[in-house]
């Protein structure tokens, strides 16, 4: 015999997400997160005879969607004919294409070979003036009208952007050889993000439900930098951004892939309410290993796009999903793929995952 998850009446997607992040047990079902790369979304539209990404989300009973800000046309230089482009800070990138997928590599860091905080003057630090506020509001209103919970805010990628500004090797060496420079770069970058985010969150007040931002702090096996260095250089910036979101009464979800269990306590102390994407195939990140953090932070994702979804049968997927939900939930869990799904994941496996989450019951 099994009993329903809760006896709560049917909730809106917004309430379901917010209660899950708040670790409120009074929910009608575990919320669903749905995310996929653009080529797969287009393929799903064709397979399911749907006309938009939003229709795909609703088909799979997803409870949330993510939106980003809109920048003024002159905030960034347009890409050249090869797809190379310059970001808000002046870093130059090369576009790398692999079939339908694209990735980006920073080829010209604006702070390459920087030696002191004085070199930060090279950077065109963006502020609120780069935002197209009317367009931001219009986009947020459209998201709110979807009926789903809205994740938004400036994607304050403190760790990743710091490395791009200085160059990967220069940044990592400087954490040991020139820590004052690293601290200065991160402090100034955080200030820039806070200025943009203040304008964005003020303009979209009441239209955004969750402040969502992040940087990948982990690899498959370990962290990029030691937990001690992360606490020294990165965590204080995350705390400032989380504190800002609190002023707008927004819960905070932080994205970091990889093996980051060693700093989850620090994320909690910094004011992070939910951890995304819960990459369960990374070292130390299995549901059983993360269960010790239950009731202290919410989990967002947790179904592997690396192992489970592309390789297992629908029956195996349902079994894995149910095990994961029992271990990490049902309270404080928003379940779904732990990365954007890509093209080799069969439709029946996606259906099996979403159905298993939606119909989950407690044994």
Foldseek 3Di string as FASTA:
>chain_A
DFDFQAPAPADFLLVLVVQQLVLNSRHRFFAADAFADPVVLVVVCVVVVHDDSLVVCVVLPHFEDEDEFAFDPPQWDDADPQRWTAHNWGFIWGWDDDPPDIDIDGDGAQCEPPDALVSSVSTPQAAQNGTPLVVLQVVLVVRLVSRHAYEYFHQLALPVVLCSNHPVVRQVVCVPVPVNNLQSSSVSSLVSRLRNRVSSCVSNQPSHAAYEYEHAQADLEGGPDDPVSCLVRPLVSLLVVLVSVVVSVHAYEYEYDADDPVCPVSNLVSRHSEYADQQCSGPQRPLQSCLVCAPSHAYHERQELVPQQLDDDLVVLLVVLLVSCVRRDDRRYHYHHRDHHYDNGDPSSRSSNSVSRRPPTDD
